C-alpha atoms as a PDB file:
ATOM      1  CA  UNK A   1     -24.314 -28.259 -29.775  1.00  0.00           C
ATOM      2  CA  UNK A   2     -23.781 -28.830 -26.070  1.00  0.00           C
ATOM      3  CA  UNK A   3     -23.621 -32.491 -24.956  1.00  0.00           C
ATOM      4  CA  UNK A   4     -24.552 -33.889 -21.560  1.00  0.00           C
ATOM      5  CA  UNK A   5     -20.924 -34.894 -21.008  1.00  0.00           C
ATOM      6  CA  UNK A   6     -19.784 -31.342 -21.566  1.00  0.00           C
ATOM      7  CA  UNK A   7     -22.422 -30.114 -19.125  1.00  0.00           C
ATOM      8  CA  UNK A   8     -21.081 -32.576 -16.559  1.00  0.00           C
ATOM      9  CA  UNK A   9     -17.539 -31.294 -17.105  1.00  0.00           C
ATOM     10  CA  UNK A  10     -18.668 -27.686 -16.650  1.00  0.00           C
ATOM     11  CA  UNK A  11     -20.497 -28.598 -13.430  1.00  0.00           C
ATOM     12  CA  UNK A  12     -17.445 -30.532 -12.206  1.00  0.00           C
ATOM     13  CA  UNK A  13     -15.217 -27.514 -12.771  1.00  0.00           C
ATOM     14  CA  UNK A  14     -17.679 -25.174 -11.048  1.00  0.00           C
ATOM     15  CA  UNK A  15     -18.086 -27.418  -8.014  1.00  0.00           C
ATOM     16  CA  UNK A  16     -14.311 -27.754  -7.743  1.00  0.00           C
ATOM     17  CA  UNK A  17     -13.845 -23.969  -8.020  1.00  0.00           C
ATOM     18  CA  UNK A  18     -16.448 -23.384  -5.319  1.00  0.00           C
ATOM     19  CA  UNK A  19     -14.796 -25.865  -2.950  1.00  0.00           C
ATOM     20  CA  UNK A  20     -11.397 -24.243  -3.522  1.00  0.00           C
ATOM     21  CA  UNK A  21     -12.714 -20.736  -2.867  1.00  0.00           C
ATOM     22  CA  UNK A  22     -11.914 -18.981   0.410  1.00  0.00           C
ATOM     23  CA  UNK A  23     -15.313 -17.277   0.290  1.00  0.00           C
ATOM     24  CA  UNK A  24     -17.663 -19.752  -1.387  1.00  0.00           C
ATOM     25  CA  UNK A  25     -20.734 -18.114  -2.898  1.00  0.00           C
ATOM     26  CA  UNK A  26     -23.249 -20.544  -4.438  1.00  0.00           C
ATOM     27  CA  UNK A  27     -25.160 -17.943  -6.422  1.00  0.00           C
ATOM     28  CA  UNK A  28     -22.012 -16.341  -7.817  1.00  0.00           C
ATOM     29  CA  UNK A  29     -20.529 -19.684  -8.828  1.00  0.00           C
ATOM     30  CA  UNK A  30     -23.774 -20.765 -10.463  1.00  0.00           C
ATOM     31  CA  UNK A  31     -23.732 -17.608 -12.566  1.00  0.00           C
ATOM     32  CA  UNK A  32     -20.152 -18.392 -13.578  1.00  0.00           C
ATOM     33  CA  UNK A  33     -21.204 -21.934 -14.510  1.00  0.00           C
ATOM     34  CA  UNK A  34     -23.669 -20.609 -17.074  1.00  0.00           C
ATOM     35  CA  UNK A  35     -21.268 -17.885 -18.182  1.00  0.00           C
ATOM     36  CA  UNK A  36     -18.609 -20.514 -18.926  1.00  0.00           C
ATOM     37  CA  UNK A  37     -21.163 -22.574 -20.857  1.00  0.00           C
ATOM     38  CA  UNK A  38     -22.293 -19.536 -22.863  1.00  0.00           C
ATOM     39  CA  UNK A  39     -18.687 -18.862 -23.871  1.00  0.00           C
ATOM     40  CA  UNK A  40     -18.785 -21.995 -26.010  1.00  0.00           C
ATOM     41  CA  UNK A  41     -21.009 -20.207 -28.519  1.00  0.00           C
ATOM     42  CA  UNK A  42     -18.587 -17.265 -28.454  1.00  0.00           C
ATOM     43  CA  UNK A  43     -15.775 -19.609 -29.503  1.00  0.00           C
ATOM     44  CA  UNK A  44     -17.939 -21.067 -32.259  1.00  0.00           C
ATOM     45  CA  UNK A  45     -18.756 -17.597 -33.625  1.00  0.00           C
ATOM     46  CA  UNK A  46     -15.113 -16.554 -33.367  1.00  0.00           C
ATOM     47  CA  UNK A  47     -14.100 -19.622 -35.394  1.00  0.00           C
ATOM     48  CA  UNK A  48     -16.549 -18.655 -38.139  1.00  0.00           C
ATOM     49  CA  UNK A  49     -15.237 -15.115 -38.103  1.00  0.00           C
ATOM     50  CA  UNK A  50     -11.706 -16.466 -38.454  1.00  0.00           C
ATOM     51  CA  UNK A  51     -12.579 -18.120 -41.777  1.00  0.00           C
ATOM     52  CA  UNK A  52     -13.968 -14.824 -43.043  1.00  0.00           C
ATOM     53  CA  UNK A  53     -10.871 -12.926 -41.909  1.00  0.00           C
ATOM     54  CA  UNK A  54      -8.564 -15.418 -43.623  1.00  0.00           C
ATOM     55  CA  UNK A  55     -10.315 -14.631 -46.888  1.00  0.00           C
ATOM     56  CA  UNK A  56     -10.128 -10.887 -46.168  1.00  0.00           C
ATOM     57  CA  UNK A  57      -6.388 -11.234 -45.584  1.00  0.00           C
ATOM     58  CA  UNK A  58      -6.063 -13.071 -48.887  1.00  0.00           C
ATOM     59  CA  UNK A  59      -7.954 -10.243 -50.612  1.00  0.00           C
ATOM     60  CA  UNK A  60      -5.538  -7.672 -49.137  1.00  0.00           C
ATOM     61  CA  UNK A  61      -2.640  -9.775 -50.398  1.00  0.00           C
ATOM     62  CA  UNK A  62      -4.152  -9.632 -53.896  1.00  0.00           C
ATOM     63  CA  UNK A  63      -4.460  -5.833 -53.796  1.00  0.00           C
ATOM     64  CA  UNK A  64      -0.894  -5.439 -52.535  1.00  0.00           C
ATOM     65  CA  UNK A  65       0.448  -7.821 -55.182  1.00  0.00           C
ATOM     66  CA  UNK A  66      -1.213  -5.970 -58.011  1.00  0.00           C
ATOM     67  CA  UNK A  67       0.314  -2.679 -56.875  1.00  0.00           C
ATOM     68  CA  UNK A  68       3.881  -3.975 -57.091  1.00  0.00           C
ATOM     69  CA  UNK A  69       6.091  -2.664 -59.891  1.00  0.00           C
ATOM     70  CA  UNK A  70       8.039  -5.925 -60.111  1.00  0.00           C
ATOM     71  CA  UNK A  71       5.298  -8.444 -59.435  1.00  0.00           C
ATOM     72  CA  UNK A  72       6.048 -12.118 -59.967  1.00  0.00           C
ATOM     73  CA  UNK A  73       4.136 -14.226 -62.460  1.00  0.00           C
ATOM     74  CA  UNK A  74       2.149 -15.780 -59.615  1.00  0.00           C
ATOM     75  CA  UNK A  75       1.277 -12.345 -58.237  1.00  0.00           C
ATOM     76  CA  UNK A  76       0.204 -11.074 -61.662  1.00  0.00           C
ATOM     77  CA  UNK A  77      -2.033 -14.102 -62.188  1.00  0.00           C
ATOM     78  CA  UNK A  78      -3.438 -14.296 -58.676  1.00  0.00           C
ATOM     79  CA  UNK A  79      -6.280 -16.821 -58.374  1.00  0.00           C
ATOM     80  CA  UNK A  80      -9.555 -15.470 -56.973  1.00  0.00           C
ATOM     81  CA  UNK A  81     -11.079 -18.904 -56.379  1.00  0.00           C
ATOM     82  CA  UNK A  82     -10.739 -18.638 -52.601  1.00  0.00           C
ATOM     83  CA  UNK A  83     -12.052 -15.070 -52.673  1.00  0.00           C
ATOM     84  CA  UNK A  84     -15.130 -16.228 -54.602  1.00  0.00           C
ATOM     85  CA  UNK A  85     -15.933 -19.122 -52.246  1.00  0.00           C
ATOM     86  CA  UNK A  86     -19.733 -19.353 -52.156  1.00  0.00           C
ATOM     87  CA  UNK A  87     -19.949 -20.933 -48.710  1.00  0.00           C
ATOM     88  CA  UNK A  88     -17.891 -18.123 -47.215  1.00  0.00           C
ATOM     89  CA  UNK A  89     -20.256 -15.678 -48.899  1.00  0.00           C
ATOM     90  CA  UNK A  90     -23.167 -17.276 -47.033  1.00  0.00           C
ATOM     91  CA  UNK A  91     -21.306 -17.084 -43.731  1.00  0.00           C
ATOM     92  CA  UNK A  92     -20.216 -13.481 -44.207  1.00  0.00           C
ATOM     93  CA  UNK A  93     -23.716 -12.363 -45.220  1.00  0.00           C
ATOM     94  CA  UNK A  94     -25.429 -14.029 -42.249  1.00  0.00           C
ATOM     95  CA  UNK A  95     -26.949 -11.138 -40.263  1.00  0.00           C
ATOM     96  CA  UNK A  96     -27.451 -13.076 -37.023  1.00  0.00           C
ATOM     97  CA  UNK A  97     -23.777 -14.047 -36.943  1.00  0.00           C
ATOM     98  CA  UNK A  98     -22.659 -10.485 -37.673  1.00  0.00           C
ATOM     99  CA  UNK A  99     -24.936  -9.134 -34.943  1.00  0.00           C
ATOM    100  CA  UNK A 100     -23.779 -11.772 -32.469  1.00  0.00           C
ATOM    101  CA  UNK A 101     -20.113 -10.933 -33.069  1.00  0.00           C
ATOM    102  CA  UNK A 102     -20.800  -7.198 -32.767  1.00  0.00           C
ATOM    103  CA  UNK A 103     -22.928  -7.519 -29.613  1.00  0.00           C
ATOM    104  CA  UNK A 104     -20.409  -9.802 -27.915  1.00  0.00           C
ATOM    105  CA  UNK A 105     -17.482  -7.638 -29.077  1.00  0.00           C
ATOM    106  CA  UNK A 106     -15.775 -10.643 -30.641  1.00  0.00           C
ATOM    107  CA  UNK A 107     -13.878  -8.784 -33.363  1.00  0.00           C
ATOM    108  CA  UNK A 108     -10.601 -10.132 -31.972  1.00  0.00           C
ATOM    109  CA  UNK A 109      -9.019 -10.637 -35.372  1.00  0.00           C
ATOM    110  CA  UNK A 110      -8.914  -6.896 -35.997  1.00  0.00           C
ATOM    111  CA  UNK A 111      -6.409  -6.628 -33.127  1.00  0.00           C
ATOM    112  CA  UNK A 112      -4.803 -10.059 -33.388  1.00  0.00           C
ATOM    113  CA  UNK A 113      -4.439 -10.275 -37.145  1.00  0.00           C
ATOM    114  CA  UNK A 114      -1.043 -11.965 -36.932  1.00  0.00           C
ATOM    115  CA  UNK A 115      -2.791 -15.245 -36.157  1.00  0.00           C
ATOM    116  CA  UNK A 116      -4.880 -14.878 -39.296  1.00  0.00           C
ATOM    117  CA  UNK A 117      -1.660 -14.346 -41.255  1.00  0.00           C
ATOM    118  CA  UNK A 118      -0.056 -17.436 -39.685  1.00  0.00           C
ATOM    119  CA  UNK A 119      -2.994 -19.615 -40.642  1.00  0.00           C
ATOM    120  CA  UNK A 120      -3.233 -18.160 -44.144  1.00  0.00           C
ATOM    121  CA  UNK A 121       0.462 -18.836 -44.721  1.00  0.00           C
ATOM    122  CA  UNK A 122      -0.005 -22.432 -43.586  1.00  0.00           C
ATOM    123  CA  UNK A 123      -3.042 -22.779 -45.840  1.00  0.00           C
ATOM    124  CA  UNK A 124      -1.075 -21.633 -48.900  1.00  0.00           C
ATOM    125  CA  UNK A 125       1.467 -24.398 -48.267  1.00  0.00           C
ATOM    126  CA  UNK A 126      -1.197 -27.113 -48.430  1.00  0.00           C
ATOM    127  CA  UNK A 127      -1.548 -29.239 -51.569  1.00  0.00           C
ATOM    128  CA  UNK A 128      -5.347 -29.173 -51.384  1.00  0.00           C
ATOM    129  CA  UNK A 129      -5.229 -25.356 -51.444  1.00  0.00           C
ATOM    130  CA  UNK A 130      -2.917 -25.325 -54.478  1.00  0.00           C
ATOM    131  CA  UNK A 131      -5.226 -27.720 -56.306  1.00  0.00           C
ATOM    132  CA  UNK A 132      -8.298 -25.723 -55.347  1.00  0.00           C
ATOM    133  CA  UNK A 133      -7.074 -22.334 -56.597  1.00  0.00           C
ATOM    134  CA  UNK A 134      -6.247 -23.851 -59.976  1.00  0.00           C
ATOM    135  CA  UNK A 135      -9.962 -24.437 -60.526  1.00  0.00           C
ATOM    136  CA  UNK A 136     -12.280 -21.901 -62.111  1.00  0.00           C
ATOM    137  CA  UNK A 137     -16.038 -21.537 -61.673  1.00  0.00           C
ATOM    138  CA  UNK A 138     -16.084 -23.980 -58.745  1.00  0.00           C
ATOM    139  CA  UNK A 139     -19.330 -25.604 -57.695  1.00  0.00           C
ATOM    140  CA  UNK A 140     -20.894 -25.072 -54.282  1.00  0.00           C
ATOM    141  CA  UNK A 141     -19.793 -28.607 -53.317  1.00  0.00           C
ATOM    142  CA  UNK A 142     -16.179 -27.899 -54.298  1.00  0.00           C
ATOM    143  CA  UNK A 143     -16.207 -24.699 -52.262  1.00  0.00           C
ATOM    144  CA  UNK A 144     -17.742 -26.577 -49.356  1.00  0.00           C
ATOM    145  CA  UNK A 145     -15.199 -29.413 -49.454  1.00  0.00           C
ATOM    146  CA  UNK A 146     -12.376 -26.893 -49.555  1.00  0.00           C
ATOM    147  CA  UNK A 147     -13.720 -25.039 -46.516  1.00  0.00           C
ATOM    148  CA  UNK A 148     -14.107 -28.278 -44.536  1.00  0.00           C
ATOM    149  CA  UNK A 149     -10.490 -29.123 -45.386  1.00  0.00           C
ATOM    150  CA  UNK A 150      -9.336 -25.632 -44.422  1.00  0.00           C
ATOM    151  CA  UNK A 151     -10.903 -25.955 -41.002  1.00  0.00           C
ATOM    152  CA  UNK A 152      -9.954 -29.584 -40.300  1.00  0.00           C
ATOM    153  CA  UNK A 153      -6.420 -29.523 -41.720  1.00  0.00           C
ATOM    154  CA  UNK A 154      -5.274 -25.974 -41.003  1.00  0.00           C
ATOM    155  CA  UNK A 155      -7.307 -24.224 -38.301  1.00  0.00           C
ATOM    156  CA  UNK A 156      -8.296 -26.946 -35.814  1.00  0.00           C
ATOM    157  CA  UNK A 157      -4.847 -28.599 -35.434  1.00  0.00           C
ATOM    158  CA  UNK A 158      -2.818 -25.375 -35.330  1.00  0.00           C
ATOM    159  CA  UNK A 159      -0.829 -25.117 -32.078  1.00  0.00           C
ATOM    160  CA  UNK A 160      -0.466 -21.341 -32.152  1.00  0.00           C
ATOM    161  CA  UNK A 161      -4.215 -20.923 -32.595  1.00  0.00           C
ATOM    162  CA  UNK A 162      -4.786 -23.281 -29.664  1.00  0.00           C
ATOM    163  CA  UNK A 163      -2.345 -21.304 -27.487  1.00  0.00           C
ATOM    164  CA  UNK A 164      -4.021 -18.058 -28.496  1.00  0.00           C
ATOM    165  CA  UNK A 165      -7.425 -19.337 -27.368  1.00  0.00           C
ATOM    166  CA  UNK A 166      -5.947 -20.620 -24.115  1.00  0.00           C
ATOM    167  CA  UNK A 167      -4.512 -17.173 -23.375  1.00  0.00           C
ATOM    168  CA  UNK A 168      -7.733 -15.432 -24.388  1.00  0.00           C
ATOM    169  CA  UNK A 169     -10.169 -17.451 -22.272  1.00  0.00           C
ATOM    170  CA  UNK A 170      -9.028 -20.458 -20.258  1.00  0.00           C
ATOM    171  CA  UNK A 171     -12.447 -22.148 -20.363  1.00  0.00           C
ATOM    172  CA  UNK A 172     -12.236 -22.357 -24.161  1.00  0.00           C
ATOM    173  CA  UNK A 173      -9.689 -25.162 -24.006  1.00  0.00           C
ATOM    174  CA  UNK A 174     -12.317 -27.607 -22.741  1.00  0.00           C
ATOM    175  CA  UNK A 175     -14.764 -26.283 -25.340  1.00  0.00           C
ATOM    176  CA  UNK A 176     -12.307 -26.555 -28.221  1.00  0.00           C
ATOM    177  CA  UNK A 177     -12.928 -30.214 -29.246  1.00  0.00           C
ATOM    178  CA  UNK A 178     -16.719 -30.010 -29.164  1.00  0.00           C
ATOM    179  CA  UNK A 179     -16.789 -26.662 -31.001  1.00  0.00           C
ATOM    180  CA  UNK A 180     -14.449 -28.044 -33.663  1.00  0.00           C
ATOM    181  CA  UNK A 181     -16.736 -31.044 -34.136  1.00  0.00           C
ATOM    182  CA  UNK A 182     -19.794 -28.804 -34.397  1.00  0.00           C
ATOM    183  CA  UNK A 183     -18.009 -26.560 -36.892  1.00  0.00           C
ATOM    184  CA  UNK A 184     -16.918 -29.475 -39.089  1.00  0.00           C
ATOM    185  CA  UNK A 185     -20.430 -30.960 -39.160  1.00  0.00           C
ATOM    186  CA  UNK A 186     -22.029 -27.605 -39.932  1.00  0.00           C
ATOM    187  CA  UNK A 187     -19.622 -26.796 -42.776  1.00  0.00           C
ATOM    188  CA  UNK A 188     -20.289 -30.209 -44.322  1.00  0.00           C
ATOM    189  CA  UNK A 189     -24.082 -29.749 -44.208  1.00  0.00           C
ATOM    190  CA  UNK A 190     -24.601 -26.064 -44.926  1.00  0.00           C
ATOM    191  CA  UNK A 191     -26.605 -25.054 -48.009  1.00  0.00           C
ATOM    192  CA  UNK A 192     -28.255 -21.899 -49.258  1.00  0.00           C
ATOM    193  CA  UNK A 193     -31.593 -23.235 -48.001  1.00  0.00           C
ATOM    194  CA  UNK A 194     -30.574 -24.155 -44.431  1.00  0.00           C
ATOM    195  CA  UNK A 195     -27.947 -21.499 -43.693  1.00  0.00           C
ATOM    196  CA  UNK A 196     -30.301 -19.317 -41.636  1.00  0.00           C
ATOM    197  CA  UNK A 197     -31.067 -22.065 -39.149  1.00  0.00           C
ATOM    198  CA  UNK A 198     -27.896 -24.156 -39.355  1.00  0.00           C
ATOM    199  CA  UNK A 199     -25.064 -21.634 -39.212  1.00  0.00           C
ATOM    200  CA  UNK A 200     -25.600 -20.349 -35.665  1.00  0.00           C
ATOM    201  CA  UNK A 201     -26.936 -23.278 -33.602  1.00  0.00           C
ATOM    202  CA  UNK A 202     -28.746 -23.260 -30.289  1.00  0.00           C
ATOM    203  CA  UNK A 203     -26.330 -23.850 -27.422  1.00  0.00           C
ATOM    204  CA  UNK A 204     -28.630 -26.245 -25.567  1.00  0.00           C
ATOM    205  CA  UNK A 205     -30.580 -29.007 -27.291  1.00  0.00           C
ATOM    206  CA  UNK A 206     -33.581 -28.047 -25.163  1.00  0.00           C
ATOM    207  CA  UNK A 207     -34.548 -26.391 -21.892  1.00  0.00           C
ATOM    208  CA  UNK A 208     -34.188 -29.735 -20.103  1.00  0.00           C
ATOM    209  CA  UNK A 209     -30.431 -29.648 -20.649  1.00  0.00           C
ATOM    210  CA  UNK A 210     -30.134 -26.168 -19.160  1.00  0.00           C
ATOM    211  CA  UNK A 211     -32.244 -27.188 -16.169  1.00  0.00           C
ATOM    212  CA  UNK A 212     -30.139 -30.345 -15.809  1.00  0.00           C
ATOM    213  CA  UNK A 213     -26.969 -28.239 -15.502  1.00  0.00           C
ATOM    214  CA  UNK A 214     -28.511 -26.052 -12.797  1.00  0.00           C
ATOM    215  CA  UNK A 215     -30.019 -28.910 -10.807  1.00  0.00           C
ATOM    216  CA  UNK A 216     -26.905 -31.091 -10.943  1.00  0.00           C
ATOM    217  CA  UNK A 217     -24.765 -28.233  -9.644  1.00  0.00           C
ATOM    218  CA  UNK A 218     -27.210 -27.454  -6.841  1.00  0.00           C
ATOM    219  CA  UNK A 219     -27.788 -31.076  -5.825  1.00  0.00           C
ATOM    220  CA  UNK A 220     -24.067 -31.711  -5.432  1.00  0.00           C
ATOM    221  CA  UNK A 221     -23.429 -28.533  -3.442  1.00  0.00           C
ATOM    222  CA  UNK A 222     -26.521 -28.484  -1.239  1.00  0.00           C
ATOM    223  CA  UNK A 223     -26.413 -32.218  -0.438  1.00  0.00           C
ATOM    224  CA  UNK A 224     -22.674 -32.382   0.159  1.00  0.00           C
ATOM    225  CA  UNK A 225     -22.897 -33.902   3.655  1.00  0.00           C
ATOM    226  CA  UNK A 226     -25.501 -36.513   2.686  1.00  0.00           C
ATOM    227  CA  UNK A 227     -23.554 -37.488  -0.426  1.00  0.00           C
ATOM    228  CA  UNK A 228     -20.387 -37.827   1.620  1.00  0.00           C
ATOM    229  CA  UNK A 229     -22.235 -40.121   4.024  1.00  0.00           C
ATOM    230  CA  UNK A 230     -23.169 -42.428   1.140  1.00  0.00           C
ATOM    231  CA  UNK A 231     -19.474 -42.838   0.319  1.00  0.00           C
ATOM    232  CA  UNK A 232     -18.469 -43.382   3.961  1.00  0.00           C
ATOM    233  CA  UNK A 233     -17.480 -46.996   4.569  1.00  0.00           C
ATOM    234  CA  UNK A 234     -17.360 -47.899   0.878  1.00  0.00           C
ATOM    235  CA  UNK A 235     -13.617 -47.291   0.711  1.00  0.00           C
ATOM    236  CA  UNK A 236     -12.105 -49.526   3.432  1.00  0.00           C
ATOM    237  CA  UNK A 237      -8.535 -48.677   2.471  1.00  0.00           C
ATOM    238  CA  UNK A 238      -9.144 -44.947   2.143  1.00  0.00           C
ATOM    239  CA  UNK A 239     -10.661 -42.391   4.462  1.00  0.00           C
ATOM    240  CA  UNK A 240     -12.396 -39.468   2.756  1.00  0.00           C
ATOM    241  CA  UNK A 241      -9.517 -37.088   3.453  1.00  0.00           C
ATOM    242  CA  UNK A 242      -7.224 -39.278   1.336  1.00  0.00           C
ATOM    243  CA  UNK A 243      -9.533 -39.460  -1.688  1.00  0.00           C
ATOM    244  CA  UNK A 244      -8.506 -37.019  -4.397  1.00  0.00           C
ATOM    245  CA  UNK A 245     -10.712 -33.931  -4.415  1.00  0.00           C
ATOM    246  CA  UNK A 246     -11.658 -34.406  -8.067  1.00  0.00           C
ATOM    247  CA  UNK A 247     -12.553 -38.067  -7.476  1.00  0.00           C
ATOM    248  CA  UNK A 248     -14.747 -37.125  -4.534  1.00  0.00           C
ATOM    249  CA  UNK A 249     -16.663 -34.579  -6.599  1.00  0.00           C
ATOM    250  CA  UNK A 250     -17.114 -37.054  -9.469  1.00  0.00           C
ATOM    251  CA  UNK A 251     -18.455 -39.645  -7.006  1.00  0.00           C
ATOM    252  CA  UNK A 252     -20.910 -37.143  -5.531  1.00  0.00           C
ATOM    253  CA  UNK A 253     -22.079 -36.107  -8.982  1.00  0.00           C
ATOM    254  CA  UNK A 254     -22.655 -39.738  -9.908  1.00  0.00           C
ATOM    255  CA  UNK A 255     -24.590 -40.413  -6.694  1.00  0.00           C
ATOM    256  CA  UNK A 256     -26.671 -37.289  -7.295  1.00  0.00           C
ATOM    257  CA  UNK A 257     -27.683 -38.626 -10.696  1.00  0.00           C
ATOM    258  CA  UNK A 258     -28.578 -42.009  -9.175  1.00  0.00           C
ATOM    259  CA  UNK A 259     -30.826 -40.449  -6.543  1.00  0.00           C
ATOM    260  CA  UNK A 260     -32.203 -37.240  -8.045  1.00  0.00           C
ATOM    261  CA  UNK A 261     -32.365 -37.729 -11.827  1.00  0.00           C
ATOM    262  CA  UNK A 262     -34.776 -40.620 -12.446  1.00  0.00           C
ATOM    263  CA  UNK A 263     -34.737 -40.333 -16.245  1.00  0.00           C
ATOM    264  CA  UNK A 264     -30.956 -40.843 -16.610  1.00  0.00           C
ATOM    265  CA  UNK A 265     -29.939 -44.520 -16.951  1.00  0.00           C
ATOM    266  CA  UNK A 266     -27.556 -45.831 -14.301  1.00  0.00           C
ATOM    267  CA  UNK A 267     -25.158 -47.230 -16.882  1.00  0.00           C
ATOM    268  CA  UNK A 268     -25.079 -43.902 -18.763  1.00  0.00           C
ATOM    269  CA  UNK A 269     -24.161 -42.106 -15.530  1.00  0.00           C
ATOM    270  CA  UNK A 270     -21.370 -44.539 -14.695  1.00  0.00           C
ATOM    271  CA  UNK A 271     -19.922 -44.599 -18.210  1.00  0.00           C
ATOM    272  CA  UNK A 272     -19.930 -40.808 -18.505  1.00  0.00           C
ATOM    273  CA  UNK A 273     -18.163 -40.248 -15.193  1.00  0.00           C
ATOM    274  CA  UNK A 274     -15.584 -42.930 -15.889  1.00  0.00           C
ATOM    275  CA  UNK A 275     -14.660 -41.134 -19.114  1.00  0.00           C
ATOM    276  CA  UNK A 276     -14.535 -37.789 -17.329  1.00  0.00           C
ATOM    277  CA  UNK A 277     -12.325 -39.286 -14.584  1.00  0.00           C
ATOM    278  CA  UNK A 278      -9.853 -40.544 -17.201  1.00  0.00           C
ATOM    279  CA  UNK A 279      -9.470 -37.034 -18.562  1.00  0.00           C
ATOM    280  CA  UNK A 280      -9.659 -34.879 -15.451  1.00  0.00           C
ATOM    281  CA  UNK A 281      -8.327 -36.995 -12.591  1.00  0.00           C
ATOM    282  CA  UNK A 282      -5.554 -39.520 -11.877  1.00  0.00           C
ATOM    283  CA  UNK A 283      -4.739 -42.536 -14.099  1.00  0.00           C
ATOM    284  CA  UNK A 284      -6.274 -45.002 -11.625  1.00  0.00           C
ATOM    285  CA  UNK A 285      -9.303 -42.883 -10.722  1.00  0.00           C
ATOM    286  CA  UNK A 286     -11.703 -44.492 -13.185  1.00  0.00           C
ATOM    287  CA  UNK A 287     -11.149 -47.965 -11.684  1.00  0.00           C
ATOM    288  CA  UNK A 288     -11.630 -46.618  -8.158  1.00  0.00           C
ATOM    289  CA  UNK A 289     -14.761 -44.654  -9.091  1.00  0.00           C
ATOM    290  CA  UNK A 290     -16.247 -47.550 -11.039  1.00  0.00           C
ATOM    291  CA  UNK A 291     -15.909 -49.831  -8.013  1.00  0.00           C
ATOM    292  CA  UNK A 292     -17.584 -47.374  -5.634  1.00  0.00           C
ATOM    293  CA  UNK A 293     -20.453 -46.486  -7.977  1.00  0.00           C
ATOM    294  CA  UNK A 294     -21.172 -50.145  -8.796  1.00  0.00           C
ATOM    295  CA  UNK A 295     -21.297 -50.971  -5.089  1.00  0.00           C
ATOM    296  CA  UNK A 296     -23.625 -48.048  -4.378  1.00  0.00           C
ATOM    297  CA  UNK A 297     -26.011 -48.974  -7.207  1.00  0.00           C
ATOM    298  CA  UNK A 298     -26.481 -52.448  -5.726  1.00  0.00           C
ATOM    299  CA  UNK A 299     -27.132 -50.977  -2.283  1.00  0.00           C
ATOM    300  CA  UNK A 300     -29.583 -48.404  -3.632  1.00  0.00           C
ATOM    301  CA  UNK A 301     -31.474 -51.121  -5.497  1.00  0.00           C
ATOM    302  CA  UNK A 302     -31.721 -53.246  -2.363  1.00  0.00           C
ATOM    303  CA  UNK A 303     -32.880 -50.320  -0.229  1.00  0.00           C
ATOM    304  CA  UNK A 304     -35.295 -49.094  -2.954  1.00  0.00           C
ATOM    305  CA  UNK A 305     -33.517 -45.720  -3.117  1.00  0.00           C
ATOM    306  CA  UNK A 306     -32.823 -46.127  -6.815  1.00  0.00           C
ATOM    307  CA  UNK A 307     -36.055 -45.007  -8.468  1.00  0.00           C
ATOM    308  CA  UNK A 308     -35.456 -44.873 -12.193  1.00  0.00           C
ATOM    309  CA  UNK A 309     -38.379 -44.406 -14.588  1.00  0.00           C
ATOM    310  CA  UNK A 310     -38.736 -45.803 -18.084  1.00  0.00           C
ATOM    311  CA  UNK A 311     -37.279 -48.850 -19.781  1.00  0.00           C
ATOM    312  CA  UNK A 312     -33.583 -49.625 -19.893  1.00  0.00           C
ATOM    313  CA  UNK A 313     -32.696 -47.227 -17.103  1.00  0.00           C
ATOM    314  CA  UNK A 314     -30.839 -49.728 -14.941  1.00  0.00           C
END
């Protein structure tokens, strides 16, 4: 689920936090780096739990409606199509997910049920929901398509849900887009056969990605002076004190990848950090960073400091 770009962003944030700290502690900040990465899976599990709780809230609405003395026609003939959704059954019955939520104490919706109600109310106003509940004996594919629509059209774009997550854990805001993408892809692919392996994904693609996060963080912090020296003189109109703190960290991360990560292509490094600069620094930062990194690559090639392995790594 985790991409290299997201790892870079997490490292960037951790390096920045360490540099802003009055009492910088490398080991403590490194632990927080991996804690903030691990929280991404918490958000993913919480999003799955939210879908289950929306159905539970709908079930409670059905029970309440049937107990009314003056129930409306709609309440008397309440559709159970959503309640019988087969994909939600698979999610709710997944033991690993249930254990994960219990162990991590992620049962937030028991205390913050008003957000479930808000989303359920918005769902009921959607045309695709009204069309769906008119169906009977839906197929697995119909249930699946409905659930994908529920997540993409109701949950993911909801401002109040976004604000709730921001208040709950600040680091989740950066995780939100990638978790939403992972959720949408999973819901579109899930079947009875693959649910055990697909529903709760591995956070890292492999151990190399986890090691990459640790080494990138350490290389930038422990080689700070040497990395700063590489930048010295490459910015004739700017001394280092005038370069934005975020830009300086991005430059040092890029240089670290040039010098210490031989399997990562130069162009991949530059492109990734230009995109990160556009999102996390000033409007003109990407142009500035691109110029410095391009100049350094040429110098490293001339001085034989750029030792990339494999084809297409220039």
